[in-house]
Amino acid sequence: MPLPLKKNARRSRNAYTRAAVTGKGKKTAKLRMPAFMAVVFGRLRGLGGLKSLFAVTVLLVGLGIVLSGVCFASLWLYNKAITSDFFITRHVDVAGNVRLSRDMVLQYGDLKEGDNSLAVSIAKVERNLRQTPWVEEVSVKRLLPDRFVIKLKERMPSFWVHKEGTLYYANERGTVIAPVESKNFLSLPTLRVEPGAEDAIPFLARLMKDIQNGILPVEAGAIASITLSPGRGIEVYLEDREMRLSIATDDWEGNLARLGVTLGDLARRHELRNVREVRAVNGNVWVLLNQAVQN
């Protein structure tokens, strides 16, 4: 059963009910200004009203003038520095360049002696050099008042490749670097990758390393061309001897070792001049003689 309400019972008040603003004995709501404004106005009253406000205004204006003067002085000093002969670039040291001459590095980086060293953007010089096909990594350091140091890591070419009727330099993975030009001419073996032989591309770097280490007794300068074939593996053509070497990529180390032993044996017997082709495949080495010798 519901409880009966008393007739003159005091009405319960919600916690959110605003106190009455009229009536005797009632609480009256007061508007309060923010604390920081109270502090400001309080101090202004203590200091003398309008006089204090004027003093604050003068202080702020003076501070603005000082800051403007500092900015103006900084700009003046900067302009004097970037036009001063004291900061003229007189020395540019270049390290790590092999294919690129020092003049080419400065030209590609858009940096030259006589430039004001403070006005040179190091980020721009590095970006310009990275955009050239020969530069793989670069760092530029400014040594005040008049010197720069440029350190490069170039992309090293290992082959020539034909692409769309143009001859290019390519690295040991067959990736194109830049066109072959007279100003940076370097004679290298021509690389050709037959359709279906793309899986043999990683063995190119191993081949060049094994030649440098003497595992395969062939001079790199004697190699005229290298062909990747899906049936024969890697074919190396020695133009001075008119001889072809074929190495299957399966059991690479074994095939290479057997080929090296066979070539050494033929050389000791002075029979290399009669050889047309040597193949290392399936654990065997095949020696094909010139047609004249066979007849």
C-alpha atoms as a PDB file:
ATOM      1  CA  MET A   1       0.000   0.000   0.000  1.00  0.00           C
ATOM      2  CA  PRO A   2       1.373   3.449  -0.857  1.00  0.00           C
ATOM      3  CA  LEU A   3       2.428   5.540   2.070  1.00  0.00           C
ATOM      4  CA  PRO A   4       0.231   8.611   2.560  1.00  0.00           C
ATOM      5  CA  LEU A   5       1.860  11.964   2.111  1.00  0.00           C
ATOM      6  CA  LYS A   6       1.601  14.551   4.783  1.00  0.00           C
ATOM      7  CA  LYS A   7      -0.401  17.526   3.733  1.00  0.00           C
ATOM      8  CA  ASN A   8       2.102  20.168   4.658  1.00  0.00           C
ATOM      9  CA  ALA A   9       5.166  18.059   4.293  1.00  0.00           C
ATOM     10  CA  ARG A  10       8.328  19.783   3.087  1.00  0.00           C
ATOM     11  CA  ARG A  11       8.942  19.169  -0.585  1.00  0.00           C
ATOM     12  CA  SER A  12      12.153  17.282  -1.238  1.00  0.00           C
ATOM     13  CA  ARG A  13      14.597  19.234  -3.390  1.00  0.00           C
ATOM     14  CA  ASN A  14      16.611  17.843  -6.266  1.00  0.00           C
ATOM     15  CA  ALA A  15      20.359  18.243  -5.964  1.00  0.00           C
ATOM     16  CA  TYR A  16      20.287  20.113  -9.239  1.00  0.00           C
ATOM     17  CA  THR A  17      17.521  22.528  -8.158  1.00  0.00           C
ATOM     18  CA  ARG A  18      18.839  26.108  -8.134  1.00  0.00           C
ATOM     19  CA  ALA A  19      18.329  27.945  -4.874  1.00  0.00           C
ATOM     20  CA  ALA A  20      15.639  30.620  -4.906  1.00  0.00           C
ATOM     21  CA  VAL A  21      16.876  34.085  -5.569  1.00  0.00           C
ATOM     22  CA  THR A  22      14.031  35.870  -3.643  1.00  0.00           C
ATOM     23  CA  GLY A  23      12.366  35.494  -0.317  1.00  0.00           C
ATOM     24  CA  LYS A  24      13.416  36.019   3.221  1.00  0.00           C
ATOM     25  CA  GLY A  25      15.730  33.460   4.626  1.00  0.00           C
ATOM     26  CA  LYS A  26      16.484  32.028   1.207  1.00  0.00           C
ATOM     27  CA  LYS A  27      19.998  31.663  -0.141  1.00  0.00           C
ATOM     28  CA  THR A  28      20.838  34.078  -2.932  1.00  0.00           C
ATOM     29  CA  ALA A  29      23.057  32.947  -5.851  1.00  0.00           C
ATOM     30  CA  LYS A  30      26.128  35.110  -6.493  1.00  0.00           C
ATOM     31  CA  LEU A  31      28.025  35.610  -9.729  1.00  0.00           C
ATOM     32  CA  ARG A  32      31.727  35.178  -9.298  1.00  0.00           C
ATOM     33  CA  MET A  33      34.374  36.430 -11.710  1.00  0.00           C
ATOM     34  CA  PRO A  34      37.212  34.117 -12.669  1.00  0.00           C
ATOM     35  CA  ALA A  35      40.072  33.947 -10.208  1.00  0.00           C
ATOM     36  CA  PHE A  36      42.706  35.379 -12.573  1.00  0.00           C
ATOM     37  CA  MET A  37      40.472  38.414 -13.332  1.00  0.00           C
ATOM     38  CA  ALA A  38      39.936  38.983  -9.643  1.00  0.00           C
ATOM     39  CA  VAL A  39      43.690  38.967  -9.075  1.00  0.00           C
ATOM     40  CA  VAL A  40      44.293  41.386 -11.952  1.00  0.00           C
ATOM     41  CA  PHE A  41      41.603  43.846 -10.913  1.00  0.00           C
ATOM     42  CA  GLY A  42      42.610  43.513  -7.310  1.00  0.00           C
ATOM     43  CA  ARG A  43      46.152  44.486  -8.118  1.00  0.00           C
ATOM     44  CA  LEU A  44      44.970  47.316 -10.344  1.00  0.00           C
ATOM     45  CA  ARG A  45      42.915  48.681  -7.451  1.00  0.00           C
ATOM     46  CA  GLY A  46      45.916  48.349  -5.195  1.00  0.00           C
ATOM     47  CA  LEU A  47      48.191  50.154  -7.626  1.00  0.00           C
ATOM     48  CA  GLY A  48      45.887  52.931  -8.447  1.00  0.00           C
ATOM     49  CA  GLY A  49      43.435  51.958 -11.173  1.00  0.00           C
ATOM     50  CA  LEU A  50      44.030  53.688 -14.501  1.00  0.00           C
ATOM     51  CA  LYS A  51      47.611  54.533 -13.644  1.00  0.00           C
ATOM     52  CA  SER A  52      48.387  50.846 -13.187  1.00  0.00           C
ATOM     53  CA  LEU A  53      46.633  49.939 -16.436  1.00  0.00           C
ATOM     54  CA  PHE A  54      48.698  52.555 -18.238  1.00  0.00           C
ATOM     55  CA  ALA A  55      51.874  51.151 -16.715  1.00  0.00           C
ATOM     56  CA  VAL A  56      51.037  47.634 -17.871  1.00  0.00           C
ATOM     57  CA  THR A  57      50.279  48.901 -21.388  1.00  0.00           C
ATOM     58  CA  VAL A  58      53.588  50.733 -21.536  1.00  0.00           C
ATOM     59  CA  LEU A  59      55.387  47.588 -20.348  1.00  0.00           C
ATOM     60  CA  LEU A  60      53.789  45.419 -23.049  1.00  0.00           C
ATOM     61  CA  VAL A  61      54.556  47.962 -25.766  1.00  0.00           C
ATOM     62  CA  GLY A  62      58.153  48.163 -24.594  1.00  0.00           C
ATOM     63  CA  LEU A  63      58.449  44.376 -24.619  1.00  0.00           C
ATOM     64  CA  GLY A  64      57.097  44.273 -28.194  1.00  0.00           C
ATOM     65  CA  ILE A  65      59.651  46.864 -29.272  1.00  0.00           C
ATOM     66  CA  VAL A  66      62.466  44.847 -27.691  1.00  0.00           C
ATOM     67  CA  LEU A  67      61.351  41.632 -29.419  1.00  0.00           C
ATOM     68  CA  SER A  68      61.054  43.434 -32.745  1.00  0.00           C
ATOM     69  CA  GLY A  69      64.546  44.806 -32.252  1.00  0.00           C
ATOM     70  CA  VAL A  70      65.937  41.346 -31.509  1.00  0.00           C
ATOM     71  CA  CYS A  71      64.297  39.915 -34.649  1.00  0.00           C
ATOM     72  CA  PHE A  72      65.571  42.781 -36.768  1.00  0.00           C
ATOM     73  CA  ALA A  73      69.096  42.375 -35.361  1.00  0.00           C
ATOM     74  CA  SER A  74      69.010  38.618 -36.038  1.00  0.00           C
ATOM     75  CA  LEU A  75      67.949  39.149 -39.650  1.00  0.00           C
ATOM     76  CA  TRP A  76      70.588  41.817 -40.104  1.00  0.00           C
ATOM     77  CA  LEU A  77      73.309  39.538 -38.727  1.00  0.00           C
ATOM     78  CA  TYR A  78      72.136  36.630 -40.927  1.00  0.00           C
ATOM     79  CA  ASN A  79      72.139  38.799 -44.050  1.00  0.00           C
ATOM     80  CA  LYS A  80      75.612  40.050 -43.204  1.00  0.00           C
ATOM     81  CA  ALA A  81      76.844  36.480 -42.649  1.00  0.00           C
ATOM     82  CA  ILE A  82      75.521  35.059 -45.946  1.00  0.00           C
ATOM     83  CA  THR A  83      77.164  37.907 -47.859  1.00  0.00           C
ATOM     84  CA  SER A  84      80.437  37.943 -45.948  1.00  0.00           C
ATOM     85  CA  ASP A  85      83.685  36.844 -47.605  1.00  0.00           C
ATOM     86  CA  PHE A  86      84.588  35.095 -44.359  1.00  0.00           C
ATOM     87  CA  PHE A  87      82.098  32.282 -45.158  1.00  0.00           C
ATOM     88  CA  ILE A  88      82.993  31.815 -48.846  1.00  0.00           C
ATOM     89  CA  THR A  89      83.484  28.115 -49.685  1.00  0.00           C
ATOM     90  CA  ARG A  90      87.141  27.529 -50.521  1.00  0.00           C
ATOM     91  CA  HIS A  91      87.543  23.774 -50.005  1.00  0.00           C
ATOM     92  CA  VAL A  92      85.318  20.811 -50.977  1.00  0.00           C
ATOM     93  CA  ASP A  93      86.714  17.371 -50.108  1.00  0.00           C
ATOM     94  CA  VAL A  94      85.209  14.378 -51.945  1.00  0.00           C
ATOM     95  CA  ALA A  95      85.797  10.779 -50.826  1.00  0.00           C
ATOM     96  CA  GLY A  96      84.494   7.428 -52.071  1.00  0.00           C
ATOM     97  CA  ASN A  97      84.056   8.476 -55.712  1.00  0.00           C
ATOM     98  CA  VAL A  98      85.312   5.944 -58.265  1.00  0.00           C
ATOM     99  CA  ARG A  99      83.370   6.410 -61.478  1.00  0.00           C
ATOM    100  CA  LEU A 100      82.489  10.041 -60.780  1.00  0.00           C
ATOM    101  CA  SER A 101      85.182  12.700 -60.892  1.00  0.00           C
ATOM    102  CA  ARG A 102      85.292  15.423 -58.272  1.00  0.00           C
ATOM    103  CA  ASP A 103      83.980  17.973 -60.787  1.00  0.00           C
ATOM    104  CA  MET A 104      81.059  15.672 -61.652  1.00  0.00           C
ATOM    105  CA  VAL A 105      80.193  15.302 -57.952  1.00  0.00           C
ATOM    106  CA  LEU A 106      80.123  19.080 -57.500  1.00  0.00           C
ATOM    107  CA  GLN A 107      78.085  19.510 -60.676  1.00  0.00           C
ATOM    108  CA  TYR A 108      75.505  16.867 -59.706  1.00  0.00           C
ATOM    109  CA  GLY A 109      75.274  18.240 -56.158  1.00  0.00           C
ATOM    110  CA  ASP A 110      74.964  21.865 -57.372  1.00  0.00           C
ATOM    111  CA  LEU A 111      77.800  22.911 -55.077  1.00  0.00           C
ATOM    112  CA  LYS A 112      80.814  24.967 -56.082  1.00  0.00           C
ATOM    113  CA  GLU A 113      83.687  26.840 -54.589  1.00  0.00           C
ATOM    114  CA  GLY A 114      82.780  30.499 -54.108  1.00  0.00           C
ATOM    115  CA  ASP A 115      79.326  29.756 -52.693  1.00  0.00           C
ATOM    116  CA  ASN A 116      78.568  31.146 -49.257  1.00  0.00           C
ATOM    117  CA  SER A 117      78.839  28.129 -46.948  1.00  0.00           C
ATOM    118  CA  LEU A 118      75.973  29.289 -44.700  1.00  0.00           C
ATOM    119  CA  ALA A 119      73.629  29.710 -47.665  1.00  0.00           C
ATOM    120  CA  VAL A 120      74.220  26.132 -48.891  1.00  0.00           C
ATOM    121  CA  SER A 121      71.435  23.647 -48.077  1.00  0.00           C
ATOM    122  CA  ILE A 122      73.082  20.354 -47.110  1.00  0.00           C
ATOM    123  CA  ALA A 123      69.771  18.477 -47.512  1.00  0.00           C
ATOM    124  CA  LYS A 124      69.464  19.782 -51.082  1.00  0.00           C
ATOM    125  CA  VAL A 125      73.033  18.771 -52.010  1.00  0.00           C
ATOM    126  CA  GLU A 126      72.471  15.254 -50.647  1.00  0.00           C
ATOM    127  CA  ARG A 127      69.117  14.969 -52.437  1.00  0.00           C
ATOM    128  CA  ASN A 128      70.654  16.088 -55.741  1.00  0.00           C
ATOM    129  CA  LEU A 129      73.428  13.502 -55.485  1.00  0.00           C
ATOM    130  CA  ARG A 130      71.055  10.665 -54.535  1.00  0.00           C
ATOM    131  CA  GLN A 131      69.010  11.394 -57.640  1.00  0.00           C
ATOM    132  CA  THR A 132      72.015  10.642 -59.863  1.00  0.00           C
ATOM    133  CA  PRO A 133      72.188   7.036 -61.083  1.00  0.00           C
ATOM    134  CA  TRP A 134      75.712   6.363 -59.793  1.00  0.00           C
ATOM    135  CA  VAL A 135      75.266   7.401 -56.145  1.00  0.00           C
ATOM    136  CA  GLU A 136      73.906   4.832 -53.695  1.00  0.00           C
ATOM    137  CA  GLU A 137      74.684   6.619 -50.413  1.00  0.00           C
ATOM    138  CA  VAL A 138      75.951  10.132 -49.621  1.00  0.00           C
ATOM    139  CA  SER A 139      76.652  12.335 -46.625  1.00  0.00           C
ATOM    140  CA  VAL A 140      77.625  16.028 -46.672  1.00  0.00           C
ATOM    141  CA  LYS A 141      79.252  17.783 -43.718  1.00  0.00           C
ATOM    142  CA  ARG A 142      79.766  21.536 -43.335  1.00  0.00           C
ATOM    143  CA  LEU A 143      82.962  22.683 -41.600  1.00  0.00           C
ATOM    144  CA  LEU A 144      82.761  26.401 -40.938  1.00  0.00           C
ATOM    145  CA  PRO A 145      83.869  28.793 -42.124  1.00  0.00           C
ATOM    146  CA  ASP A 146      84.833  27.591 -45.628  1.00  0.00           C
ATOM    147  CA  ARG A 147      84.910  23.772 -46.069  1.00  0.00           C
ATOM    148  CA  PHE A 148      82.581  20.913 -47.054  1.00  0.00           C
ATOM    149  CA  VAL A 149      83.256  17.162 -46.875  1.00  0.00           C
ATOM    150  CA  ILE A 150      81.290  14.851 -49.218  1.00  0.00           C
ATOM    151  CA  LYS A 151      81.427  11.079 -48.722  1.00  0.00           C
ATOM    152  CA  LEU A 152      79.945   8.789 -51.394  1.00  0.00           C
ATOM    153  CA  LYS A 153      79.189   5.153 -51.938  1.00  0.00           C
ATOM    154  CA  GLU A 154      78.804   4.522 -55.658  1.00  0.00           C
ATOM    155  CA  ARG A 155      76.928   1.793 -57.476  1.00  0.00           C
ATOM    156  CA  MET A 156      79.627  -0.391 -59.000  1.00  0.00           C
ATOM    157  CA  PRO A 157      79.044  -1.737 -62.530  1.00  0.00           C
ATOM    158  CA  SER A 158      79.839  -5.349 -63.398  1.00  0.00           C
ATOM    159  CA  PHE A 159      78.215  -5.778 -66.832  1.00  0.00           C
ATOM    160  CA  TRP A 160      76.885  -4.148 -69.946  1.00  0.00           C
ATOM    161  CA  VAL A 161      73.264  -4.838 -70.827  1.00  0.00           C
ATOM    162  CA  HIS A 162      71.271  -3.942 -73.931  1.00  0.00           C
ATOM    163  CA  LYS A 163      67.903  -2.352 -73.251  1.00  0.00           C
ATOM    164  CA  GLU A 164      65.643  -0.826 -75.882  1.00  0.00           C
ATOM    165  CA  GLY A 165      68.530  -0.300 -78.252  1.00  0.00           C
ATOM    166  CA  THR A 166      70.769   1.392 -75.678  1.00  0.00           C
ATOM    167  CA  LEU A 167      73.831   0.008 -73.915  1.00  0.00           C
ATOM    168  CA  TYR A 168      73.743   0.397 -70.118  1.00  0.00           C
ATOM    169  CA  TYR A 169      75.987  -0.319 -67.177  1.00  0.00           C
ATOM    170  CA  ALA A 170      74.483  -2.857 -64.749  1.00  0.00           C
ATOM    171  CA  ASN A 171      75.474  -4.043 -61.286  1.00  0.00           C
ATOM    172  CA  GLU A 172      76.288  -7.617 -60.251  1.00  0.00           C
ATOM    173  CA  ARG A 173      72.559  -8.412 -60.020  1.00  0.00           C
ATOM    174  CA  GLY A 174      71.942  -7.211 -63.559  1.00  0.00           C
ATOM    175  CA  THR A 175      70.139  -4.045 -62.419  1.00  0.00           C
ATOM    176  CA  VAL A 176      70.593  -1.123 -64.804  1.00  0.00           C
ATOM    177  CA  ILE A 177      72.653   1.803 -63.472  1.00  0.00           C
ATOM    178  CA  ALA A 178      73.266   4.318 -66.262  1.00  0.00           C
ATOM    179  CA  PRO A 179      73.928   4.517 -70.014  1.00  0.00           C
ATOM    180  CA  VAL A 180      77.445   3.811 -71.259  1.00  0.00           C
ATOM    181  CA  GLU A 181      79.048   7.137 -72.166  1.00  0.00           C
ATOM    182  CA  SER A 182      82.442   8.195 -73.427  1.00  0.00           C
ATOM    183  CA  LYS A 183      83.160  10.339 -70.344  1.00  0.00           C
ATOM    184  CA  ASN A 184      82.868   7.354 -67.997  1.00  0.00           C
ATOM    185  CA  PHE A 185      83.647   4.494 -70.389  1.00  0.00           C
ATOM    186  CA  LEU A 186      84.541   1.127 -68.872  1.00  0.00           C
ATOM    187  CA  SER A 187      84.827  -2.114 -70.814  1.00  0.00           C
ATOM    188  CA  LEU A 188      82.768  -4.866 -69.158  1.00  0.00           C
ATOM    189  CA  PRO A 189      81.264  -8.253 -70.105  1.00  0.00           C
ATOM    190  CA  THR A 190      77.915  -8.125 -71.870  1.00  0.00           C
ATOM    191  CA  LEU A 191      75.113  -9.774 -69.902  1.00  0.00           C
ATOM    192  CA  ARG A 192      72.152 -11.492 -71.557  1.00  0.00           C
ATOM    193  CA  VAL A 193      69.315 -13.201 -69.700  1.00  0.00           C
ATOM    194  CA  GLU A 194      67.289 -15.626 -71.796  1.00  0.00           C
ATOM    195  CA  PRO A 195      63.564 -16.078 -71.050  1.00  0.00           C
ATOM    196  CA  GLY A 196      63.100 -18.604 -68.270  1.00  0.00           C
ATOM    197  CA  ALA A 197      66.580 -18.103 -66.805  1.00  0.00           C
ATOM    198  CA  GLU A 198      65.678 -15.366 -64.311  1.00  0.00           C
ATOM    199  CA  ASP A 199      66.199 -17.772 -61.387  1.00  0.00           C
ATOM    200  CA  ALA A 200      69.926 -17.864 -62.200  1.00  0.00           C
ATOM    201  CA  ILE A 201      70.393 -14.102 -61.678  1.00  0.00           C
ATOM    202  CA  PRO A 202      71.437 -14.461 -57.971  1.00  0.00           C
ATOM    203  CA  PHE A 203      74.368 -16.651 -59.099  1.00  0.00           C
ATOM    204  CA  LEU A 204      75.929 -13.746 -61.003  1.00  0.00           C
ATOM    205  CA  ALA A 205      77.302 -12.176 -57.832  1.00  0.00           C
ATOM    206  CA  ARG A 206      78.646 -15.555 -56.705  1.00  0.00           C
ATOM    207  CA  LEU A 207      80.325 -16.076 -60.082  1.00  0.00           C
ATOM    208  CA  MET A 208      82.123 -12.724 -59.984  1.00  0.00           C
ATOM    209  CA  LYS A 209      83.203 -13.297 -56.383  1.00  0.00           C
ATOM    210  CA  ASP A 210      84.527 -16.793 -57.172  1.00  0.00           C
ATOM    211  CA  ILE A 211      86.488 -15.398 -60.121  1.00  0.00           C
ATOM    212  CA  GLN A 212      88.022 -12.695 -57.922  1.00  0.00           C
ATOM    213  CA  ASN A 213      88.958 -15.291 -55.292  1.00  0.00           C
ATOM    214  CA  GLY A 214      90.596 -17.532 -57.906  1.00  0.00           C
ATOM    215  CA  ILE A 215      88.211 -20.453 -57.444  1.00  0.00           C
ATOM    216  CA  LEU A 216      87.523 -20.306 -61.163  1.00  0.00           C
ATOM    217  CA  PRO A 217      90.911 -19.767 -62.911  1.00  0.00           C
ATOM    218  CA  VAL A 218      89.679 -17.133 -65.341  1.00  0.00           C
ATOM    219  CA  GLU A 219      90.643 -13.477 -65.557  1.00  0.00           C
ATOM    220  CA  ALA A 220      87.649 -11.149 -65.299  1.00  0.00           C
ATOM    221  CA  GLY A 221      89.093  -8.958 -68.060  1.00  0.00           C
ATOM    222  CA  ALA A 222      89.102 -11.931 -70.451  1.00  0.00           C
ATOM    223  CA  ILE A 223      85.313 -12.429 -70.202  1.00  0.00           C
ATOM    224  CA  ALA A 224      83.536 -11.010 -73.255  1.00  0.00           C
ATOM    225  CA  SER A 225      79.971 -12.031 -72.389  1.00  0.00           C
ATOM    226  CA  ILE A 226      77.853 -13.932 -69.892  1.00  0.00           C
ATOM    227  CA  THR A 227      74.574 -15.589 -70.835  1.00  0.00           C
ATOM    228  CA  LEU A 228      72.001 -17.011 -68.444  1.00  0.00           C
ATOM    229  CA  SER A 229      70.327 -19.972 -70.091  1.00  0.00           C
ATOM    230  CA  PRO A 230      67.479 -22.122 -68.703  1.00  0.00           C
ATOM    231  CA  GLY A 231      69.149 -25.252 -70.150  1.00  0.00           C
ATOM    232  CA  ARG A 232      72.880 -24.596 -69.680  1.00  0.00           C
ATOM    233  CA  GLY A 233      72.929 -22.461 -66.555  1.00  0.00           C
ATOM    234  CA  ILE A 234      75.551 -19.710 -66.724  1.00  0.00           C
ATOM    235  CA  GLU A 235      77.639 -19.506 -69.902  1.00  0.00           C
ATOM    236  CA  VAL A 236      80.896 -17.554 -69.845  1.00  0.00           C
ATOM    237  CA  TYR A 237      82.486 -16.707 -73.195  1.00  0.00           C
ATOM    238  CA  LEU A 238      86.240 -16.022 -73.323  1.00  0.00           C
ATOM    239  CA  GLU A 239      86.820 -14.065 -76.514  1.00  0.00           C
ATOM    240  CA  ASP A 240      90.622 -14.290 -76.556  1.00  0.00           C
ATOM    241  CA  ARG A 241      90.454 -18.108 -76.503  1.00  0.00           C
ATOM    242  CA  GLU A 242      87.143 -18.411 -78.347  1.00  0.00           C
ATOM    243  CA  MET A 243      86.075 -20.807 -75.587  1.00  0.00           C
ATOM    244  CA  ARG A 244      82.783 -21.158 -73.719  1.00  0.00           C
ATOM    245  CA  LEU A 245      82.358 -22.329 -70.110  1.00  0.00           C
ATOM    246  CA  SER A 246      78.962 -23.654 -68.990  1.00  0.00           C
ATOM    247  CA  ILE A 247      78.132 -24.071 -65.289  1.00  0.00           C
ATOM    248  CA  ALA A 248      74.871 -25.595 -64.065  1.00  0.00           C
ATOM    249  CA  THR A 249      73.484 -23.736 -61.048  1.00  0.00           C
ATOM    250  CA  ASP A 250      72.391 -26.875 -59.173  1.00  0.00           C
ATOM    251  CA  ASP A 251      75.322 -27.986 -56.966  1.00  0.00           C
ATOM    252  CA  TRP A 252      77.022 -24.703 -57.810  1.00  0.00           C
ATOM    253  CA  GLU A 253      80.098 -25.179 -55.618  1.00  0.00           C
ATOM    254  CA  GLY A 254      80.689 -28.739 -56.809  1.00  0.00           C
ATOM    255  CA  ASN A 255      80.302 -27.853 -60.481  1.00  0.00           C
ATOM    256  CA  LEU A 256      82.571 -24.841 -60.116  1.00  0.00           C
ATOM    257  CA  ALA A 257      85.264 -26.853 -58.321  1.00  0.00           C
ATOM    258  CA  ARG A 258      85.222 -29.601 -60.967  1.00  0.00           C
ATOM    259  CA  LEU A 259      85.356 -27.031 -63.762  1.00  0.00           C
ATOM    260  CA  GLY A 260      88.354 -25.335 -62.137  1.00  0.00           C
ATOM    261  CA  VAL A 261      90.234 -28.614 -61.781  1.00  0.00           C
ATOM    262  CA  THR A 262      89.566 -29.523 -65.422  1.00  0.00           C
ATOM    263  CA  LEU A 263      90.729 -26.139 -66.709  1.00  0.00           C
ATOM    264  CA  GLY A 264      93.893 -26.384 -64.627  1.00  0.00           C
ATOM    265  CA  ASP A 265      94.623 -29.849 -65.990  1.00  0.00           C
ATOM    266  CA  LEU A 266      94.069 -28.741 -69.608  1.00  0.00           C
ATOM    267  CA  ALA A 267      96.362 -25.741 -69.035  1.00  0.00           C
ATOM    268  CA  ARG A 268      99.176 -27.944 -67.649  1.00  0.00           C
ATOM    269  CA  ARG A 269      98.941 -30.148 -70.743  1.00  0.00           C
ATOM    270  CA  HIS A 270      98.804 -27.080 -73.019  1.00  0.00           C
ATOM    271  CA  GLU A 271      95.527 -28.265 -74.524  1.00  0.00           C
ATOM    272  CA  LEU A 272      93.333 -25.257 -73.835  1.00  0.00           C
ATOM    273  CA  ARG A 273      93.902 -23.907 -77.341  1.00  0.00           C
ATOM    274  CA  ASN A 274      92.126 -26.974 -78.724  1.00  0.00           C
ATOM    275  CA  VAL A 275      89.053 -26.635 -76.484  1.00  0.00           C
ATOM    276  CA  ARG A 276      85.822 -25.083 -77.740  1.00  0.00           C
ATOM    277  CA  GLU A 277      83.604 -25.607 -74.704  1.00  0.00           C
ATOM    278  CA  VAL A 278      83.760 -27.013 -71.183  1.00  0.00           C
ATOM    279  CA  ARG A 279      80.516 -27.962 -69.407  1.00  0.00           C
ATOM    280  CA  ALA A 280      80.074 -28.740 -65.720  1.00  0.00           C
ATOM    281  CA  VAL A 281      76.690 -30.357 -65.102  1.00  0.00           C
ATOM    282  CA  ASN A 282      75.207 -33.265 -63.125  1.00  0.00           C
ATOM    283  CA  GLY A 283      78.468 -34.035 -61.364  1.00  0.00           C
ATOM    284  CA  ASN A 284      80.390 -34.386 -64.639  1.00  0.00           C
ATOM    285  CA  VAL A 285      82.614 -32.197 -66.798  1.00  0.00           C
ATOM    286  CA  TRP A 286      82.388 -32.387 -70.576  1.00  0.00           C
ATOM    287  CA  VAL A 287      85.161 -31.079 -72.818  1.00  0.00           C
ATOM    288  CA  LEU A 288      84.265 -30.269 -76.413  1.00  0.00           C
ATOM    289  CA  LEU A 289      87.164 -29.819 -78.837  1.00  0.00           C
ATOM    290  CA  ASN A 290      87.416 -27.541 -81.832  1.00  0.00           C
ATOM    291  CA  GLN A 291      86.121 -28.967 -85.096  1.00  0.00           C
ATOM    292  CA  ALA A 292      89.579 -28.941 -86.692  1.00  0.00           C
ATOM    293  CA  VAL A 293      91.008 -31.066 -83.839  1.00  0.00           C
ATOM    294  CA  GLN A 294      88.141 -33.556 -84.070  1.00  0.00           C
ATOM    295  CA  ASN A 295      88.774 -34.061 -87.775  1.00  0.00           C
END
